[in-house]
Amino acid sequence: MAHPVQNINHSAFRSMFERKKLSGNNFNDWFRQLKLVLRAEKKMFAIEQPLPIAPDADSAAIVLAEWNALYDAYNEMACLMLGSMTPELHR
């Protein structure tokens, strides 16, 4: 039963973060909120280290699956960050 509570907490952090858009002048506050969301979702790695190079196509299925899951996590966080910026900063 602990997982639904954690998901609710993550959603609360995300919604708090998504409401306050990065406009340029508020970077420090925005980045602090981003780190809060990433910590809650255990995805700080998305801003602390680059995505590893993709394994060769003939790598073991488990290696490919692990890298794909990591890629999805990085992509999700990139979308979260872009979605929390004003349109002017996207360009």
PDB file of N, CA and C in Angstrom:
ATOM      1  N   MET A   1       0.795  -1.210   0.000  1.00  0.00           N
ATOM      2  CA  MET A   1       0.000   0.000   0.000  1.00  0.00           C
ATOM      3  C   MET A   1       0.836   1.273   0.000  1.00  0.00           C
ATOM      4  N   ALA A   2       2.141   1.170   0.217  1.00  0.00           N
ATOM      5  CA  ALA A   2       2.992   2.355   0.270  1.00  0.00           C
ATOM      6  C   ALA A   2       3.150   3.015  -1.095  1.00  0.00           C
ATOM      7  N   HIS A   3       3.085   2.253  -2.145  1.00  0.00           N
ATOM      8  CA  HIS A   3       3.318   2.810  -3.475  1.00  0.00           C
ATOM      9  C   HIS A   3       2.294   3.870  -3.889  1.00  0.00           C
ATOM     10  N   PRO A   4       0.976   3.671  -3.651  1.00  0.00           N
ATOM     11  CA  PRO A   4       0.034   4.729  -4.041  1.00  0.00           C
ATOM     12  C   PRO A   4       0.308   6.051  -3.318  1.00  0.00           C
ATOM     13  N   VAL A   5       0.691   5.993  -2.048  1.00  0.00           N
ATOM     14  CA  VAL A   5       0.997   7.209  -1.307  1.00  0.00           C
ATOM     15  C   VAL A   5       2.200   7.897  -1.928  1.00  0.00           C
ATOM     16  N   GLN A   6       3.226   7.131  -2.271  1.00  0.00           N
ATOM     17  CA  GLN A   6       4.398   7.707  -2.905  1.00  0.00           C
ATOM     18  C   GLN A   6       4.021   8.359  -4.228  1.00  0.00           C
ATOM     19  N   ASN A   7       3.178   7.709  -5.012  1.00  0.00           N
ATOM     20  CA  ASN A   7       2.756   8.281  -6.294  1.00  0.00           C
ATOM     21  C   ASN A   7       1.991   9.578  -6.101  1.00  0.00           C
ATOM     22  N   ILE A   8       1.163   9.648  -5.078  1.00  0.00           N
ATOM     23  CA  ILE A   8       0.428  10.873  -4.787  1.00  0.00           C
ATOM     24  C   ILE A   8       1.417  11.974  -4.431  1.00  0.00           C
ATOM     25  N   ASN A   9       2.419  11.659  -3.608  1.00  0.00           N
ATOM     26  CA  ASN A   9       3.419  12.652  -3.243  1.00  0.00           C
ATOM     27  C   ASN A   9       4.178  13.132  -4.466  1.00  0.00           C
ATOM     28  N   HIS A  10       4.550  12.213  -5.347  1.00  0.00           N
ATOM     29  CA  HIS A  10       5.252  12.590  -6.564  1.00  0.00           C
ATOM     30  C   HIS A  10       4.386  13.508  -7.415  1.00  0.00           C
ATOM     31  N   SER A  11       3.113  13.176  -7.520  1.00  0.00           N
ATOM     32  CA  SER A  11       2.193  13.999  -8.300  1.00  0.00           C
ATOM     33  C   SER A  11       2.074  15.392  -7.709  1.00  0.00           C
ATOM     34  N   ALA A  12       2.064  15.490  -6.392  1.00  0.00           N
ATOM     35  CA  ALA A  12       1.972  16.798  -5.743  1.00  0.00           C
ATOM     36  C   ALA A  12       3.205  17.629  -6.054  1.00  0.00           C
ATOM     37  N   PHE A  13       4.384  17.019  -5.981  1.00  0.00           N
ATOM     38  CA  PHE A  13       5.622  17.737  -6.302  1.00  0.00           C
ATOM     39  C   PHE A  13       5.624  18.170  -7.765  1.00  0.00           C
ATOM     40  N   ARG A  14       5.213  17.266  -8.643  1.00  0.00           N
ATOM     41  CA  ARG A  14       5.180  17.585 -10.075  1.00  0.00           C
ATOM     42  C   ARG A  14       4.221  18.729 -10.360  1.00  0.00           C
ATOM     43  N   SER A  15       3.035  18.674  -9.792  1.00  0.00           N
ATOM     44  CA  SER A  15       2.058  19.720 -10.085  1.00  0.00           C
ATOM     45  C   SER A  15       2.539  21.053  -9.536  1.00  0.00           C
ATOM     46  N   MET A  16       3.192  21.043  -8.377  1.00  0.00           N
ATOM     47  CA  MET A  16       3.755  22.262  -7.816  1.00  0.00           C
ATOM     48  C   MET A  16       4.815  22.828  -8.771  1.00  0.00           C
ATOM     49  N   PHE A  17       5.650  21.936  -9.287  1.00  0.00           N
ATOM     50  CA  PHE A  17       6.727  22.339 -10.194  1.00  0.00           C
ATOM     51  C   PHE A  17       6.183  22.858 -11.524  1.00  0.00           C
ATOM     52  N   GLU A  18       5.199  22.166 -12.066  1.00  0.00           N
ATOM     53  CA  GLU A  18       4.662  22.515 -13.380  1.00  0.00           C
ATOM     54  C   GLU A  18       3.887  23.838 -13.366  1.00  0.00           C
ATOM     55  N   ARG A  19       3.378  24.239 -12.200  1.00  0.00           N
ATOM     56  CA  ARG A  19       2.620  25.487 -12.123  1.00  0.00           C
ATOM     57  C   ARG A  19       3.506  26.724 -12.240  1.00  0.00           C
ATOM     58  N   LYS A  20       4.728  26.628 -11.766  1.00  0.00           N
ATOM     59  CA  LYS A  20       5.619  27.784 -11.799  1.00  0.00           C
ATOM     60  C   LYS A  20       6.607  27.608 -12.942  1.00  0.00           C
ATOM     61  N   LYS A  21       6.344  28.251 -14.049  1.00  0.00           N
ATOM     62  CA  LYS A  21       7.153  28.120 -15.261  1.00  0.00           C
ATOM     63  C   LYS A  21       8.480  28.876 -15.134  1.00  0.00           C
ATOM     64  N   LEU A  22       9.506  28.313 -15.744  1.00  0.00           N
ATOM     65  CA  LEU A  22      10.796  28.998 -15.835  1.00  0.00           C
ATOM     66  C   LEU A  22      10.655  30.120 -16.843  1.00  0.00           C
ATOM     67  N   SER A  23      10.970  31.324 -16.402  1.00  0.00           N
ATOM     68  CA  SER A  23      10.850  32.485 -17.287  1.00  0.00           C
ATOM     69  C   SER A  23      12.204  33.129 -17.559  1.00  0.00           C
ATOM     70  N   GLY A  24      13.232  32.645 -16.922  1.00  0.00           N
ATOM     71  CA  GLY A  24      14.571  33.212 -17.092  1.00  0.00           C
ATOM     72  C   GLY A  24      15.038  33.886 -15.819  1.00  0.00           C
ATOM     73  N   ASN A  25      14.207  34.752 -15.269  1.00  0.00           N
ATOM     74  CA  ASN A  25      14.577  35.469 -14.048  1.00  0.00           C
ATOM     75  C   ASN A  25      14.435  34.615 -12.792  1.00  0.00           C
ATOM     76  N   ASN A  26      13.692  33.551 -12.858  1.00  0.00           N
ATOM     77  CA  ASN A  26      13.420  32.730 -11.681  1.00  0.00           C
ATOM     78  C   ASN A  26      14.154  31.379 -11.727  1.00  0.00           C
ATOM     79  N   PHE A  27      15.302  31.341 -12.393  1.00  0.00           N
ATOM     80  CA  PHE A  27      16.010  30.073 -12.583  1.00  0.00           C
ATOM     81  C   PHE A  27      16.324  29.372 -11.261  1.00  0.00           C
ATOM     82  N   ASN A  28      16.848  30.089 -10.279  1.00  0.00           N
ATOM     83  CA  ASN A  28      17.238  29.445  -9.019  1.00  0.00           C
ATOM     84  C   ASN A  28      16.061  28.778  -8.339  1.00  0.00           C
ATOM     85  N   ASP A  29      14.918  29.443  -8.288  1.00  0.00           N
ATOM     86  CA  ASP A  29      13.717  28.841  -7.690  1.00  0.00           C
ATOM     87  C   ASP A  29      13.242  27.647  -8.509  1.00  0.00           C
ATOM     88  N   TRP A  30      13.232  27.801  -9.826  1.00  0.00           N
ATOM     89  CA  TRP A  30      12.802  26.722 -10.721  1.00  0.00           C
ATOM     90  C   TRP A  30      13.697  25.494 -10.564  1.00  0.00           C
ATOM     91  N   PHE A  31      15.012  25.712 -10.534  1.00  0.00           N
ATOM     92  CA  PHE A  31      15.948  24.601 -10.428  1.00  0.00           C
ATOM     93  C   PHE A  31      15.823  23.900  -9.085  1.00  0.00           C
ATOM     94  N   ARG A  32      15.576  24.642  -8.019  1.00  0.00           N
ATOM     95  CA  ARG A  32      15.370  24.057  -6.695  1.00  0.00           C
ATOM     96  C   ARG A  32      14.134  23.158  -6.718  1.00  0.00           C
ATOM     97  N   GLN A  33      13.058  23.634  -7.357  1.00  0.00           N
ATOM     98  CA  GLN A  33      11.837  22.832  -7.474  1.00  0.00           C
ATOM     99  C   GLN A  33      12.065  21.591  -8.340  1.00  0.00           C
ATOM    100  N   LEU A  34      12.826  21.750  -9.424  1.00  0.00           N
ATOM    101  CA  LEU A  34      13.151  20.608 -10.283  1.00  0.00           C
ATOM    102  C   LEU A  34      13.878  19.538  -9.482  1.00  0.00           C
ATOM    103  N   LYS A  35      14.864  19.929  -8.703  1.00  0.00           N
ATOM    104  CA  LYS A  35      15.620  18.958  -7.903  1.00  0.00           C
ATOM    105  C   LYS A  35      14.722  18.268  -6.886  1.00  0.00           C
ATOM    106  N   LEU A  36      13.762  18.979  -6.341  1.00  0.00           N
ATOM    107  CA  LEU A  36      12.819  18.375  -5.403  1.00  0.00           C
ATOM    108  C   LEU A  36      12.015  17.265  -6.079  1.00  0.00           C
ATOM    109  N   VAL A  37      11.522  17.546  -7.281  1.00  0.00           N
ATOM    110  CA  VAL A  37      10.765  16.544  -8.043  1.00  0.00           C
ATOM    111  C   VAL A  37      11.657  15.347  -8.381  1.00  0.00           C
ATOM    112  N   LEU A  38      12.862  15.610  -8.864  1.00  0.00           N
ATOM    113  CA  LEU A  38      13.761  14.523  -9.246  1.00  0.00           C
ATOM    114  C   LEU A  38      14.145  13.664  -8.046  1.00  0.00           C
ATOM    115  N   ARG A  39      14.368  14.283  -6.899  1.00  0.00           N
ATOM    116  CA  ARG A  39      14.679  13.496  -5.697  1.00  0.00           C
ATOM    117  C   ARG A  39      13.495  12.622  -5.304  1.00  0.00           C
ATOM    118  N   ALA A  40      12.301  13.194  -5.321  1.00  0.00           N
ATOM    119  CA  ALA A  40      11.103  12.440  -4.934  1.00  0.00           C
ATOM    120  C   ALA A  40      10.888  11.249  -5.856  1.00  0.00           C
ATOM    121  N   GLU A  41      11.225  11.412  -7.133  1.00  0.00           N
ATOM    122  CA  GLU A  41      11.026  10.345  -8.106  1.00  0.00           C
ATOM    123  C   GLU A  41      12.270   9.475  -8.303  1.00  0.00           C
ATOM    124  N   LYS A  42      13.301   9.761  -7.491  1.00  0.00           N
ATOM    125  CA  LYS A  42      14.562   9.008  -7.560  1.00  0.00           C
ATOM    126  C   LYS A  42      15.157   9.046  -8.971  1.00  0.00           C
ATOM    127  N   LYS A  43      15.184  10.262  -9.546  1.00  0.00           N
ATOM    128  CA  LYS A  43      15.711  10.429 -10.900  1.00  0.00           C
ATOM    129  C   LYS A  43      16.717  11.576 -10.974  1.00  0.00           C
ATOM    130  N   MET A  44      17.430  11.825  -9.880  1.00  0.00           N
ATOM    131  CA  MET A  44      18.443  12.877  -9.873  1.00  0.00           C
ATOM    132  C   MET A  44      19.527  12.613 -10.916  1.00  0.00           C
ATOM    133  N   PHE A  45      19.724  11.345 -11.250  1.00  0.00           N
ATOM    134  CA  PHE A  45      20.748  11.008 -12.246  1.00  0.00           C
ATOM    135  C   PHE A  45      20.524  11.746 -13.559  1.00  0.00           C
ATOM    136  N   ALA A  46      19.287  12.136 -13.823  1.00  0.00           N
ATOM    137  CA  ALA A  46      18.959  12.784 -15.095  1.00  0.00           C
ATOM    138  C   ALA A  46      19.637  14.142 -15.257  1.00  0.00           C
ATOM    139  N   ILE A  47      20.000  14.779 -14.143  1.00  0.00           N
ATOM    140  CA  ILE A  47      20.716  16.054 -14.240  1.00  0.00           C
ATOM    141  C   ILE A  47      22.149  15.941 -13.732  1.00  0.00           C
ATOM    142  N   GLU A  48      22.494  14.806 -13.149  1.00  0.00           N
ATOM    143  CA  GLU A  48      23.834  14.655 -12.587  1.00  0.00           C
ATOM    144  C   GLU A  48      24.812  13.959 -13.524  1.00  0.00           C
ATOM    145  N   GLN A  49      24.310  13.180 -14.453  1.00  0.00           N
ATOM    146  CA  GLN A  49      25.192  12.441 -15.349  1.00  0.00           C
ATOM    147  C   GLN A  49      24.541  12.273 -16.717  1.00  0.00           C
ATOM    148  N   PRO A  50      25.356  12.230 -17.753  1.00  0.00           N
ATOM    149  CA  PRO A  50      24.791  12.076 -19.101  1.00  0.00           C
ATOM    150  C   PRO A  50      24.255  10.662 -19.338  1.00  0.00           C
ATOM    151  N   LEU A  51      23.351  10.565 -20.280  1.00  0.00           N
ATOM    152  CA  LEU A  51      22.841   9.258 -20.690  1.00  0.00           C
ATOM    153  C   LEU A  51      23.991   8.454 -21.287  1.00  0.00           C
ATOM    154  N   PRO A  52      24.190   7.230 -20.827  1.00  0.00           N
ATOM    155  CA  PRO A  52      25.262   6.411 -21.411  1.00  0.00           C
ATOM    156  C   PRO A  52      25.008   6.148 -22.898  1.00  0.00           C
ATOM    157  N   ILE A  53      26.075   5.862 -23.589  1.00  0.00           N
ATOM    158  CA  ILE A  53      25.976   5.530 -25.011  1.00  0.00           C
ATOM    159  C   ILE A  53      25.145   4.256 -25.154  1.00  0.00           C
ATOM    160  N   ALA A  54      24.308   4.227 -26.165  1.00  0.00           N
ATOM    161  CA  ALA A  54      23.444   3.061 -26.400  1.00  0.00           C
ATOM    162  C   ALA A  54      24.290   1.819 -26.655  1.00  0.00           C
ATOM    163  N   PRO A  55      23.855   0.684 -26.110  1.00  0.00           N
ATOM    164  CA  PRO A  55      24.582  -0.560 -26.383  1.00  0.00           C
ATOM    165  C   PRO A  55      24.383  -0.986 -27.840  1.00  0.00           C
ATOM    166  N   ASP A  56      25.276  -1.822 -28.306  1.00  0.00           N
ATOM    167  CA  ASP A  56      25.151  -2.353 -29.665  1.00  0.00           C
ATOM    168  C   ASP A  56      23.841  -3.116 -29.807  1.00  0.00           C
ATOM    169  N   ALA A  57      23.313  -3.113 -30.992  1.00  0.00           N
ATOM    170  CA  ALA A  57      22.035  -3.786 -31.256  1.00  0.00           C
ATOM    171  C   ALA A  57      22.095  -5.277 -30.957  1.00  0.00           C
ATOM    172  N   ASP A  58      23.285  -5.872 -31.026  1.00  0.00           N
ATOM    173  CA  ASP A  58      23.399  -7.306 -30.766  1.00  0.00           C
ATOM    174  C   ASP A  58      23.731  -7.613 -29.300  1.00  0.00           C
ATOM    175  N   SER A  59      23.590  -6.608 -28.422  1.00  0.00           N
ATOM    176  CA  SER A  59      23.817  -6.823 -26.988  1.00  0.00           C
ATOM    177  C   SER A  59      22.705  -7.704 -26.422  1.00  0.00           C
ATOM    178  N   ALA A  60      22.960  -8.236 -25.229  1.00  0.00           N
ATOM    179  CA  ALA A  60      21.973  -9.084 -24.559  1.00  0.00           C
ATOM    180  C   ALA A  60      20.669  -8.314 -24.365  1.00  0.00           C
ATOM    181  N   ALA A  61      19.564  -9.025 -24.412  1.00  0.00           N
ATOM    182  CA  ALA A  61      18.237  -8.405 -24.294  1.00  0.00           C
ATOM    183  C   ALA A  61      18.102  -7.616 -22.999  1.00  0.00           C
ATOM    184  N   ILE A  62      18.650  -8.128 -21.903  1.00  0.00           N
ATOM    185  CA  ILE A  62      18.542  -7.428 -20.611  1.00  0.00           C
ATOM    186  C   ILE A  62      19.296  -6.098 -20.650  1.00  0.00           C
ATOM    187  N   VAL A  63      20.436  -6.066 -21.317  1.00  0.00           N
ATOM    188  CA  VAL A  63      21.228  -4.836 -21.445  1.00  0.00           C
ATOM    189  C   VAL A  63      20.450  -3.806 -22.259  1.00  0.00           C
ATOM    190  N   LEU A  64      19.856  -4.250 -23.349  1.00  0.00           N
ATOM    191  CA  LEU A  64      19.056  -3.353 -24.177  1.00  0.00           C
ATOM    192  C   LEU A  64      17.831  -2.842 -23.419  1.00  0.00           C
ATOM    193  N   ALA A  65      17.179  -3.713 -22.674  1.00  0.00           N
ATOM    194  CA  ALA A  65      15.992  -3.320 -21.905  1.00  0.00           C
ATOM    195  C   ALA A  65      16.354  -2.311 -20.823  1.00  0.00           C
ATOM    196  N   GLU A  66      17.477  -2.533 -20.141  1.00  0.00           N
ATOM    197  CA  GLU A  66      17.917  -1.600 -19.099  1.00  0.00           C
ATOM    198  C   GLU A  66      18.235  -0.236 -19.702  1.00  0.00           C
ATOM    199  N   TRP A  67      18.928  -0.213 -20.837  1.00  0.00           N
ATOM    200  CA  TRP A  67      19.264   1.059 -21.461  1.00  0.00           C
ATOM    201  C   TRP A  67      17.998   1.761 -21.943  1.00  0.00           C
ATOM    202  N   ASN A  68      17.057   1.018 -22.515  1.00  0.00           N
ATOM    203  CA  ASN A  68      15.797   1.617 -22.973  1.00  0.00           C
ATOM    204  C   ASN A  68      15.015   2.224 -21.815  1.00  0.00           C
ATOM    205  N   ALA A  69      15.015   1.556 -20.669  1.00  0.00           N
ATOM    206  CA  ALA A  69      14.326   2.097 -19.490  1.00  0.00           C
ATOM    207  C   ALA A  69      15.010   3.379 -19.021  1.00  0.00           C
ATOM    208  N   LEU A  70      16.328   3.395 -19.055  1.00  0.00           N
ATOM    209  CA  LEU A  70      17.080   4.582 -18.678  1.00  0.00           C
ATOM    210  C   LEU A  70      16.808   5.717 -19.664  1.00  0.00           C
ATOM    211  N   TYR A  71      16.803   5.400 -20.941  1.00  0.00           N
ATOM    212  CA  TYR A  71      16.496   6.393 -21.974  1.00  0.00           C
ATOM    213  C   TYR A  71      15.109   6.997 -21.738  1.00  0.00           C
ATOM    214  N   ASP A  72      14.143   6.154 -21.433  1.00  0.00           N
ATOM    215  CA  ASP A  72      12.781   6.632 -21.176  1.00  0.00           C
ATOM    216  C   ASP A  72      12.745   7.582 -19.984  1.00  0.00           C
ATOM    217  N   ALA A  73      13.511   7.265 -18.929  1.00  0.00           N
ATOM    218  CA  ALA A  73      13.558   8.123 -17.745  1.00  0.00           C
ATOM    219  C   ALA A  73      14.168   9.486 -18.085  1.00  0.00           C
ATOM    220  N   TYR A  74      15.264   9.482 -18.848  1.00  0.00           N
ATOM    221  CA  TYR A  74      15.882  10.744 -19.266  1.00  0.00           C
ATOM    222  C   TYR A  74      14.915  11.543 -20.140  1.00  0.00           C
ATOM    223  N   ASN A  75      14.247  10.878 -21.036  1.00  0.00           N
ATOM    224  CA  ASN A  75      13.301  11.548 -21.926  1.00  0.00           C
ATOM    225  C   ASN A  75      12.132  12.145 -21.144  1.00  0.00           C
ATOM    226  N   GLU A  76      11.631  11.403 -20.180  1.00  0.00           N
ATOM    227  CA  GLU A  76      10.532  11.894 -19.342  1.00  0.00           C
ATOM    228  C   GLU A  76      10.951  13.161 -18.592  1.00  0.00           C
ATOM    229  N   MET A  77      12.161  13.162 -18.045  1.00  0.00           N
ATOM    230  CA  MET A  77      12.634  14.329 -17.308  1.00  0.00           C
ATOM    231  C   MET A  77      12.883  15.512 -18.247  1.00  0.00           C
ATOM    232  N   ALA A  78      13.371  15.248 -19.450  1.00  0.00           N
ATOM    233  CA  ALA A  78      13.565  16.333 -20.424  1.00  0.00           C
ATOM    234  C   ALA A  78      12.220  16.956 -20.789  1.00  0.00           C
ATOM    235  N   CYS A  79      11.216  16.133 -20.980  1.00  0.00           N
ATOM    236  CA  CYS A  79       9.883  16.644 -21.305  1.00  0.00           C
ATOM    237  C   CYS A  79       9.309  17.447 -20.135  1.00  0.00           C
ATOM    238  N   LEU A  80       9.534  16.969 -18.925  1.00  0.00           N
ATOM    239  CA  LEU A  80       9.080  17.693 -17.741  1.00  0.00           C
ATOM    240  C   LEU A  80       9.727  19.075 -17.684  1.00  0.00           C
ATOM    241  N   MET A  81      11.040  19.127 -17.935  1.00  0.00           N
ATOM    242  CA  MET A  81      11.746  20.406 -17.889  1.00  0.00           C
ATOM    243  C   MET A  81      11.261  21.346 -18.986  1.00  0.00           C
ATOM    244  N   LEU A  82      11.140  20.833 -20.197  1.00  0.00           N
ATOM    245  CA  LEU A  82      10.675  21.682 -21.303  1.00  0.00           C
ATOM    246  C   LEU A  82       9.246  22.158 -21.079  1.00  0.00           C
ATOM    247  N   GLY A  83       8.421  21.282 -20.535  1.00  0.00           N
ATOM    248  CA  GLY A  83       7.038  21.646 -20.280  1.00  0.00           C
ATOM    249  C   GLY A  83       6.875  22.677 -19.183  1.00  0.00           C
ATOM    250  N   SER A  84       7.916  22.854 -18.371  1.00  0.00           N
ATOM    251  CA  SER A  84       7.826  23.813 -17.273  1.00  0.00           C
ATOM    252  C   SER A  84       8.551  25.120 -17.601  1.00  0.00           C
ATOM    253  N   MET A  85       8.808  25.361 -18.884  1.00  0.00           N
ATOM    254  CA  MET A  85       9.443  26.603 -19.327  1.00  0.00           C
ATOM    255  C   MET A  85       8.441  27.424 -20.131  1.00  0.00           C
ATOM    256  N   THR A  86       8.641  28.712 -20.123  1.00  0.00           N
ATOM    257  CA  THR A  86       7.796  29.564 -20.962  1.00  0.00           C
ATOM    258  C   THR A  86       8.131  29.280 -22.423  1.00  0.00           C
ATOM    259  N   PRO A  87       7.198  29.470 -23.335  1.00  0.00           N
ATOM    260  CA  PRO A  87       7.444  29.194 -24.759  1.00  0.00           C
ATOM    261  C   PRO A  87       8.661  29.933 -25.320  1.00  0.00           C
ATOM    262  N   GLU A  88       8.926  31.114 -24.817  1.00  0.00           N
ATOM    263  CA  GLU A  88      10.074  31.882 -25.309  1.00  0.00           C
ATOM    264  C   GLU A  88      11.393  31.159 -25.057  1.00  0.00           C
ATOM    265  N   LEU A  89      11.485  30.412 -23.991  1.00  0.00           N
ATOM    266  CA  LEU A  89      12.722  29.697 -23.659  1.00  0.00           C
ATOM    267  C   LEU A  89      12.878  28.398 -24.450  1.00  0.00           C
ATOM    268  N   HIS A  90      11.814  27.886 -25.009  1.00  0.00           N
ATOM    269  CA  HIS A  90      11.883  26.665 -25.832  1.00  0.00           C
ATOM    270  C   HIS A  90      12.616  26.907 -27.134  1.00  0.00           C
ATOM    271  N   ARG A  91      12.496  28.082 -27.640  1.00  0.00           N
ATOM    272  CA  ARG A  91      12.954  28.394 -28.999  1.00  0.00           C
ATOM    273  C   ARG A  91      14.435  28.403 -29.142  1.00  0.00           C
TER     274      ARG A  91
END
